[in-house]
Amino acid sequence: MASRINTSFTLIPNQKYRRSNRRSSSYFSNTLGSDSQPLSTLGNFKALPLEIFQIILRYLSVKDISMLSMVSKTVSQHIINYISTSSGSKRLLLQDFHNLELPSKRQDLAILEHYRSLGLLFKRCTLLLPTRERLKYIHKILAEVSCFKFNGCAAPIQCLGLPCYGIFLQTLTAGWDGLECHRVYNFLCELTNLSRKMQTVVCSKPGSARKLELRIRLFCRNVLLDHWIHRSDSAFWLTRILKPWPMVNQARLLYIIFGPISPQDGQVVWQKMIEGPTDESSLKGLADAIKLLYDTGTKEWTADDVISLVDELSVVPREWLLENNARLLILSGNNICFTFMASKAVNGRIIELAKLIVFLALVCEKELYCMDWAVKMMQKVCKVFSTPM
């Protein structure tokens, strides 16, 4: 039988330390006192007073600070403390949202990129906190910036505040699962009272609360919808906005967020689809939103849901001119156009379908689209009918 190995003795260290090393180690220990953090969590930063550590942070870019925050929990906490200081907040929370001294394109890109990096820094610093605690801490820091608030800016159309907030939020929540993102949306709704504001505009006469309609449009587009790379993410946030409401209110909200606006003041133009034929640019936002819900294949939207939404949209605020309805269907793509027309065929709405086909041909003629497309679409729809007549 093999004899047991005696492990009761003290193991000899693999490496011998010189006296100078021991003295140096003792010196670092005494610098911060007996209640200081272990060397393994602070590394060489243990020898530095907190004030010196924060001075070093001033010389690092936001991206470098973001990388440093991943070294250890203690270093991350020191960085969080730095962000909360007046000097750290002033340096990191840039507020040149209305500065027109630099060429606009160059300035826009620089400040948006800064907030993208800041979103990554906050993402890493707060990694170990529960979602709600992360959001509370981040809100506490960002609350200092008035242009990030729903009604915080006096000139919201010319302001980059909400787009910067949106870039920050997109970077922060990228990769989070659906449940966490749903919590983020609920948190923002509580913070801004967004649901109550939406209820006001969908239950009022169209155009009676123009400023509120504009604020809702800017917040939804700039903060929640416009910065996502993947269409599935955009569809997720648009679903969060629309799904709590009945179909008629969904159509109204869709028009407020994506419908045509006045070039002078940015407010929603409600009579655009009723008074006369409109152009492609006025309908493109609505068409893209409809395609987003139809094509991303989310379980929360069936084809029937999207077609019903299109049908409801065509009477917001009153029945559209058929030419505008036909143009929206063409811009929405073949699948939506066919499904919409086939739905009318199946439900026996033959006269409506016949008129729509005429206006599809008219739009094709006006916009120089291939007329063969309209013919093939009509032939395809005719196959849906149960009888030859």
Protein backbone atom coordinates (compact mmCIF):
# COMPACT_ATOMS: atom_id res chain seq x y z
CA MET A 1 0.00 0.00 0.00
CA ALA A 2 1.28 3.41 -0.93
CA SER A 3 2.28 5.55 2.03
CA ARG A 4 0.47 8.83 2.65
CA ILE A 5 2.25 12.03 1.80
CA ASN A 6 2.91 14.19 4.82
CA THR A 7 1.43 17.65 4.18
CA SER A 8 1.74 18.99 7.70
CA PHE A 9 5.02 20.79 7.07
CA THR A 10 5.33 24.30 5.70
CA LEU A 11 6.00 24.48 1.95
CA ILE A 12 9.16 26.24 0.86
CA PRO A 13 8.41 29.24 -1.37
CA ASN A 14 9.39 28.84 -5.01
CA GLN A 15 10.83 32.33 -5.13
CA LYS A 16 13.09 34.07 -2.62
CA TYR A 17 12.39 37.73 -2.03
CA ARG A 18 15.17 40.21 -1.38
CA ARG A 19 15.12 42.45 1.64
CA SER A 20 14.51 45.47 -0.58
CA ASN A 21 11.35 43.85 -1.94
CA ARG A 22 10.09 43.13 1.53
CA ARG A 23 10.75 46.70 2.60
CA SER A 24 9.01 48.01 -0.50
CA SER A 25 5.99 45.80 0.14
CA SER A 26 5.84 46.95 3.73
CA TYR A 27 6.07 50.57 2.60
CA PHE A 28 3.09 50.20 0.22
CA SER A 29 1.14 48.50 3.01
CA ASN A 30 1.67 51.33 5.41
CA THR A 31 0.80 54.00 2.86
CA LEU A 32 -2.93 53.35 2.90
CA GLY A 33 -3.20 52.00 6.45
CA SER A 34 -4.41 48.69 7.82
CA ASP A 35 -7.97 49.06 6.49
CA SER A 36 -6.89 49.52 2.84
CA GLN A 37 -7.92 47.25 -0.02
CA PRO A 38 -5.77 44.16 -0.69
CA LEU A 39 -2.92 44.54 -3.16
CA SER A 40 -4.53 41.98 -5.49
CA THR A 41 -7.49 44.27 -6.20
CA LEU A 42 -5.70 47.60 -6.60
CA GLY A 43 -2.29 46.50 -7.88
CA ASN A 44 0.27 49.32 -8.02
CA PHE A 45 -2.54 51.86 -7.62
CA LYS A 46 -2.59 50.89 -3.93
CA ALA A 47 0.36 53.20 -3.34
CA LEU A 48 -1.55 56.22 -4.66
CA PRO A 49 -3.87 58.47 -2.68
CA LEU A 50 -7.35 58.69 -4.17
CA GLU A 51 -6.76 62.30 -5.24
CA ILE A 52 -3.74 61.30 -7.34
CA PHE A 53 -5.69 58.40 -8.87
CA GLN A 54 -8.40 60.84 -9.98
CA ILE A 55 -5.79 63.20 -11.42
CA ILE A 56 -4.46 60.31 -13.52
CA LEU A 57 -7.99 59.66 -14.82
CA ARG A 58 -8.09 63.21 -16.19
CA TYR A 59 -5.33 62.32 -18.63
CA LEU A 60 -7.08 59.18 -19.91
CA SER A 61 -9.64 59.10 -22.70
CA VAL A 62 -13.14 57.81 -21.94
CA LYS A 63 -12.30 54.58 -23.78
CA ASP A 64 -9.15 54.11 -21.65
CA ILE A 65 -11.08 54.72 -18.43
CA SER A 66 -13.63 52.19 -19.66
CA MET A 67 -10.89 49.57 -20.12
CA LEU A 68 -9.38 50.40 -16.73
CA SER A 69 -12.74 49.87 -15.02
CA MET A 70 -12.53 46.16 -15.89
CA VAL A 71 -9.29 45.62 -13.94
CA SER A 72 -11.04 44.92 -10.65
CA LYS A 73 -14.13 45.69 -8.63
CA THR A 74 -12.18 48.11 -6.45
CA VAL A 75 -10.77 50.06 -9.38
CA SER A 76 -14.24 50.18 -10.90
CA GLN A 77 -15.60 51.60 -7.64
CA HIS A 78 -12.91 54.29 -7.62
CA ILE A 79 -13.90 55.23 -11.17
CA ILE A 80 -17.58 55.41 -10.17
CA ASN A 81 -16.58 57.75 -7.35
CA TYR A 82 -14.65 59.87 -9.85
CA ILE A 83 -17.67 60.11 -12.16
CA SER A 84 -19.74 61.35 -9.22
CA THR A 85 -17.31 64.20 -8.43
CA SER A 86 -17.98 67.65 -9.86
CA SER A 87 -14.75 67.61 -11.91
CA GLY A 88 -15.44 64.13 -13.29
CA SER A 89 -19.04 64.96 -14.12
CA LYS A 90 -18.05 68.21 -15.81
CA ARG A 91 -15.45 66.49 -17.91
CA LEU A 92 -17.52 63.45 -18.95
CA LEU A 93 -21.00 64.95 -19.38
CA LEU A 94 -20.37 67.20 -22.38
CA GLN A 95 -23.25 69.55 -23.07
CA ASP A 96 -22.29 71.31 -26.31
CA PHE A 97 -25.60 70.31 -27.87
CA HIS A 98 -26.28 73.74 -29.33
CA ASN A 99 -22.73 74.84 -30.16
CA LEU A 100 -22.64 75.93 -33.81
CA GLU A 101 -19.00 77.09 -33.97
CA LEU A 102 -17.69 73.90 -35.61
CA PRO A 103 -19.01 72.54 -38.91
CA SER A 104 -22.19 70.73 -37.89
CA LYS A 105 -21.36 67.30 -39.32
CA ARG A 106 -17.97 67.13 -37.67
CA GLN A 107 -19.29 68.37 -34.34
CA ASP A 108 -22.28 66.00 -34.38
CA LEU A 109 -20.09 62.96 -34.97
CA ALA A 110 -17.62 63.94 -32.24
CA ILE A 111 -20.16 64.41 -29.47
CA LEU A 112 -22.20 61.34 -30.49
CA GLU A 113 -19.02 59.23 -30.43
CA HIS A 114 -18.19 60.63 -26.98
CA TYR A 115 -21.55 59.47 -25.61
CA ARG A 116 -21.12 56.08 -27.27
CA SER A 117 -17.86 55.66 -25.34
CA LEU A 118 -19.51 56.97 -22.17
CA GLY A 119 -22.28 54.39 -22.54
CA LEU A 120 -19.64 51.64 -22.67
CA LEU A 121 -17.93 53.06 -19.58
CA PHE A 122 -21.18 53.02 -17.58
CA LYS A 123 -21.98 49.55 -18.91
CA ARG A 124 -18.70 48.21 -17.52
CA CYS A 125 -18.68 50.18 -14.27
CA THR A 126 -22.16 49.03 -13.26
CA LEU A 127 -21.78 45.47 -14.52
CA LEU A 128 -22.23 43.83 -11.10
CA LEU A 129 -25.35 45.79 -10.12
CA PRO A 130 -28.95 44.57 -10.64
CA THR A 131 -30.67 46.19 -13.64
CA ARG A 132 -32.85 48.56 -11.63
CA GLU A 133 -29.94 49.69 -9.46
CA ARG A 134 -27.86 50.32 -12.57
CA LEU A 135 -30.61 52.45 -14.06
CA LYS A 136 -31.10 54.42 -10.83
CA TYR A 137 -27.39 55.21 -10.58
CA ILE A 138 -27.12 56.19 -14.24
CA HIS A 139 -30.21 58.39 -14.01
CA LYS A 140 -28.76 60.10 -10.93
CA ILE A 141 -25.65 61.04 -12.95
CA LEU A 142 -27.43 61.97 -16.18
CA ALA A 143 -30.13 64.00 -14.41
CA GLU A 144 -27.66 66.91 -14.35
CA VAL A 145 -28.06 67.29 -18.15
CA SER A 146 -31.30 69.15 -18.82
CA CYS A 147 -31.30 68.35 -22.58
CA PHE A 148 -31.63 64.62 -21.73
CA LYS A 149 -35.04 65.23 -20.14
CA PHE A 150 -38.34 64.89 -22.00
CA ASN A 151 -39.17 68.59 -21.68
CA GLY A 152 -35.68 69.75 -20.73
CA CYS A 153 -34.66 71.65 -23.86
CA ALA A 154 -36.27 74.86 -25.09
CA ALA A 155 -35.19 74.19 -28.70
CA PRO A 156 -35.48 70.39 -29.10
CA ILE A 157 -35.35 70.31 -32.92
CA GLN A 158 -31.92 71.99 -33.04
CA CYS A 159 -30.64 70.05 -30.00
CA LEU A 160 -28.34 67.00 -30.01
CA GLY A 161 -29.21 66.10 -26.42
CA LEU A 162 -31.76 63.36 -27.11
CA PRO A 163 -29.70 61.72 -29.92
CA CYS A 164 -26.70 61.61 -27.52
CA TYR A 165 -28.94 60.10 -24.84
CA GLY A 166 -30.15 57.54 -27.39
CA ILE A 167 -26.61 56.57 -28.41
CA PHE A 168 -25.69 56.24 -24.73
CA LEU A 169 -28.74 54.05 -24.03
CA GLN A 170 -28.16 51.87 -27.10
CA THR A 171 -24.53 51.20 -26.08
CA LEU A 172 -25.50 50.56 -22.47
CA THR A 173 -28.24 48.00 -23.27
CA ALA A 174 -26.65 46.29 -26.30
CA GLY A 175 -26.64 42.55 -25.65
CA TRP A 176 -29.15 42.69 -22.78
CA ASP A 177 -31.96 40.15 -22.95
CA GLY A 178 -35.57 41.07 -23.68
CA LEU A 179 -36.67 41.05 -20.04
CA GLU A 180 -33.95 43.51 -19.01
CA CYS A 181 -34.71 45.80 -21.96
CA HIS A 182 -38.38 45.69 -21.05
CA ARG A 183 -37.41 46.88 -17.57
CA VAL A 184 -35.43 49.71 -19.16
CA TYR A 185 -38.50 50.80 -21.15
CA ASN A 186 -40.71 50.66 -18.05
CA PHE A 187 -38.12 52.67 -16.10
CA LEU A 188 -38.05 55.36 -18.82
CA CYS A 189 -41.86 55.45 -18.90
CA GLU A 190 -41.96 56.02 -15.13
CA LEU A 191 -39.23 58.62 -15.38
CA THR A 192 -40.84 60.64 -18.17
CA ASN A 193 -44.51 59.80 -17.55
CA LEU A 194 -44.47 58.74 -21.22
CA SER A 195 -47.58 56.55 -21.11
CA ARG A 196 -49.72 59.39 -19.72
CA LYS A 197 -48.39 61.77 -22.36
CA MET A 198 -49.15 59.25 -25.12
CA GLN A 199 -52.65 58.79 -23.75
CA THR A 200 -53.19 62.54 -23.99
CA VAL A 201 -52.28 62.72 -27.69
CA VAL A 202 -54.10 59.57 -28.81
CA CYS A 203 -57.29 60.56 -27.03
CA SER A 204 -57.26 64.20 -28.16
CA LYS A 205 -58.22 65.67 -31.50
CA PRO A 206 -55.26 65.32 -33.92
CA GLY A 207 -53.15 68.46 -33.80
CA SER A 208 -54.71 69.84 -30.61
CA ALA A 209 -51.52 69.12 -28.64
CA ARG A 210 -48.91 69.84 -31.32
CA LYS A 211 -46.00 70.55 -28.97
CA LEU A 212 -46.61 67.36 -27.01
CA GLU A 213 -46.87 65.36 -30.26
CA LEU A 214 -43.50 66.79 -31.31
CA ARG A 215 -41.89 65.94 -27.96
CA ILE A 216 -43.18 62.35 -28.13
CA ARG A 217 -41.91 61.98 -31.70
CA LEU A 218 -38.45 63.32 -30.84
CA PHE A 219 -38.13 61.20 -27.69
CA CYS A 220 -39.27 57.97 -29.35
CA ARG A 221 -37.17 58.46 -32.48
CA ASN A 222 -34.00 59.91 -30.96
CA VAL A 223 -33.85 57.91 -27.73
CA LEU A 224 -35.58 54.58 -28.42
CA LEU A 225 -35.60 53.80 -32.15
CA ASP A 226 -33.07 55.41 -34.47
CA HIS A 227 -29.68 54.20 -33.22
CA TRP A 228 -30.00 50.42 -33.44
CA ILE A 229 -27.88 48.50 -35.93
CA HIS A 230 -30.07 45.40 -36.08
CA ARG A 231 -33.66 45.70 -37.29
CA SER A 232 -34.82 43.19 -34.67
CA ASP A 233 -33.74 45.62 -31.93
CA SER A 234 -35.64 48.50 -33.53
CA ALA A 235 -38.70 46.25 -33.86
CA PHE A 236 -38.44 45.34 -30.17
CA TRP A 237 -38.53 48.97 -29.02
CA LEU A 238 -41.26 49.95 -31.49
CA THR A 239 -43.31 47.03 -30.20
CA ARG A 240 -42.86 48.26 -26.63
CA ILE A 241 -44.25 51.65 -27.72
CA LEU A 242 -47.25 50.36 -29.70
CA LYS A 243 -48.43 47.11 -28.12
CA PRO A 244 -49.96 48.48 -24.89
CA TRP A 245 -52.53 50.38 -26.99
CA PRO A 246 -55.63 49.36 -29.00
CA MET A 247 -55.20 49.19 -32.78
CA VAL A 248 -56.76 52.60 -33.44
CA ASN A 249 -54.33 54.22 -31.00
CA GLN A 250 -51.41 52.25 -32.46
CA ALA A 251 -52.15 53.78 -35.85
CA ARG A 252 -52.31 57.28 -34.34
CA LEU A 253 -48.97 56.79 -32.54
CA LEU A 254 -47.37 55.41 -35.69
CA TYR A 255 -48.44 58.52 -37.58
CA ILE A 256 -47.13 60.83 -34.83
CA ILE A 257 -43.73 59.09 -34.72
CA PHE A 258 -43.17 58.42 -38.45
CA GLY A 259 -45.68 60.57 -40.35
CA PRO A 260 -44.98 63.73 -42.39
CA ILE A 261 -43.85 66.86 -40.56
CA SER A 262 -43.63 70.55 -41.33
CA PRO A 263 -40.15 71.66 -42.46
CA GLN A 264 -40.60 74.94 -40.56
CA ASP A 265 -41.35 73.76 -37.03
CA GLY A 266 -41.09 69.94 -37.22
CA GLN A 267 -44.67 69.43 -36.07
CA VAL A 268 -46.86 66.62 -37.43
CA VAL A 269 -48.93 67.54 -40.52
CA TRP A 270 -52.26 65.77 -40.08
CA GLN A 271 -53.98 66.90 -43.29
CA LYS A 272 -51.19 65.80 -45.63
CA MET A 273 -52.84 62.52 -46.70
CA ILE A 274 -56.32 64.00 -47.02
CA GLU A 275 -55.93 67.26 -48.92
CA GLY A 276 -54.01 66.03 -51.96
CA PRO A 277 -51.52 63.54 -53.42
CA THR A 278 -48.30 63.43 -51.42
CA ASP A 279 -44.73 62.50 -52.29
CA GLU A 280 -42.58 59.51 -51.42
CA SER A 281 -40.62 61.33 -48.71
CA SER A 282 -43.78 61.96 -46.67
CA LEU A 283 -44.63 58.24 -46.61
CA LYS A 284 -41.21 56.62 -46.39
CA GLY A 285 -41.01 56.71 -42.58
CA LEU A 286 -44.41 55.06 -42.21
CA ALA A 287 -43.60 52.44 -44.86
CA ASP A 288 -40.26 51.58 -43.20
CA ALA A 289 -41.97 51.18 -39.80
CA ILE A 290 -44.62 48.86 -41.30
CA LYS A 291 -41.94 46.76 -43.02
CA LEU A 292 -40.00 46.61 -39.75
CA LEU A 293 -42.95 45.05 -37.92
CA TYR A 294 -43.85 42.72 -40.80
CA ASP A 295 -40.39 41.47 -41.83
CA THR A 296 -38.60 40.94 -38.50
CA GLY A 297 -40.81 37.97 -37.65
CA THR A 298 -41.38 38.89 -34.01
CA LYS A 299 -43.95 36.69 -32.27
CA GLU A 300 -45.86 39.72 -31.04
CA TRP A 301 -46.92 40.73 -34.58
CA THR A 302 -48.79 38.44 -36.96
CA ALA A 303 -49.34 39.29 -40.63
CA ASP A 304 -53.00 39.99 -39.81
CA ASP A 305 -51.94 42.44 -37.06
CA VAL A 306 -49.76 44.43 -39.46
CA ILE A 307 -52.39 44.47 -42.23
CA SER A 308 -55.03 45.66 -39.74
CA LEU A 309 -52.62 48.38 -38.63
CA VAL A 310 -52.14 49.51 -42.26
CA ASP A 311 -55.91 49.54 -42.75
CA GLU A 312 -56.40 51.60 -39.59
CA LEU A 313 -53.59 53.96 -40.56
CA SER A 314 -55.30 54.83 -43.84
CA VAL A 315 -58.12 56.61 -41.95
CA VAL A 316 -55.86 58.69 -39.63
CA PRO A 317 -57.11 61.34 -38.97
CA ARG A 318 -59.73 60.74 -41.71
CA GLU A 319 -59.88 58.57 -44.84
CA TRP A 320 -56.83 59.11 -47.06
CA LEU A 321 -56.90 59.77 -50.78
CA LEU A 322 -56.61 56.39 -52.48
CA GLU A 323 -53.52 57.56 -54.37
CA ASN A 324 -51.72 58.09 -51.07
CA ASN A 325 -52.92 54.73 -49.80
CA ALA A 326 -51.63 53.04 -52.97
CA ARG A 327 -48.26 54.82 -52.70
CA LEU A 328 -47.84 53.63 -49.10
CA LEU A 329 -48.53 50.02 -50.16
CA ILE A 330 -45.96 50.21 -52.97
CA LEU A 331 -43.33 51.63 -50.60
CA SER A 332 -44.12 48.93 -48.03
CA GLY A 333 -43.02 46.17 -50.42
CA ASN A 334 -44.53 43.31 -52.40
CA ASN A 335 -45.44 41.06 -49.46
CA ILE A 336 -47.40 43.69 -47.54
CA CYS A 337 -49.03 45.05 -50.72
CA PHE A 338 -50.19 41.59 -51.81
CA THR A 339 -51.36 40.54 -48.33
CA PHE A 340 -53.33 43.78 -47.92
CA MET A 341 -55.06 43.37 -51.28
CA ALA A 342 -55.65 39.64 -50.80
CA SER A 343 -57.30 40.41 -47.46
CA LYS A 344 -59.81 42.64 -49.24
CA ALA A 345 -60.42 39.91 -51.84
CA VAL A 346 -61.04 37.23 -49.21
CA ASN A 347 -63.39 39.50 -47.25
CA GLY A 348 -65.46 40.36 -50.33
CA ARG A 349 -64.47 44.04 -50.48
CA ILE A 350 -64.34 43.90 -54.28
CA ILE A 351 -65.19 47.54 -55.07
CA GLU A 352 -62.45 48.80 -52.70
CA LEU A 353 -60.00 46.39 -54.29
CA ALA A 354 -60.88 47.47 -57.83
CA LYS A 355 -60.40 51.15 -56.97
CA LEU A 356 -57.09 50.40 -55.27
CA ILE A 357 -55.75 48.58 -58.33
CA VAL A 358 -56.58 51.62 -60.48
CA PHE A 359 -54.61 53.89 -58.18
CA LEU A 360 -51.70 51.45 -58.00
CA ALA A 361 -51.49 51.76 -61.79
CA LEU A 362 -51.75 55.56 -61.50
CA VAL A 363 -48.86 55.76 -59.03
CA CYS A 364 -46.75 53.48 -61.23
CA GLU A 365 -47.41 55.81 -64.17
CA LYS A 366 -46.62 58.96 -62.17
CA GLU A 367 -43.44 57.63 -60.55
CA LEU A 368 -42.26 55.84 -63.74
CA TYR A 369 -42.40 52.44 -62.04
CA CYS A 370 -42.67 49.37 -64.27
CA MET A 371 -46.35 48.89 -65.15
CA ASP A 372 -45.70 45.17 -65.49
CA TRP A 373 -45.44 45.06 -61.68
CA ALA A 374 -49.03 46.31 -61.27
CA VAL A 375 -50.31 43.77 -63.82
CA LYS A 376 -48.57 40.85 -62.12
CA MET A 377 -49.78 41.98 -58.70
CA MET A 378 -53.38 42.09 -60.01
CA GLN A 379 -53.04 38.61 -61.55
CA LYS A 380 -51.66 37.24 -58.31
CA VAL A 381 -54.53 38.73 -56.29
CA CYS A 382 -57.10 37.33 -58.78
CA LYS A 383 -55.94 33.80 -57.89
CA VAL A 384 -57.18 34.35 -54.33
CA PHE A 385 -60.85 34.44 -55.43
CA SER A 386 -62.76 31.21 -55.02
CA THR A 387 -64.77 31.58 -58.27
CA PRO A 388 -63.63 32.43 -61.83
CA MET A 389 -65.97 35.44 -62.02
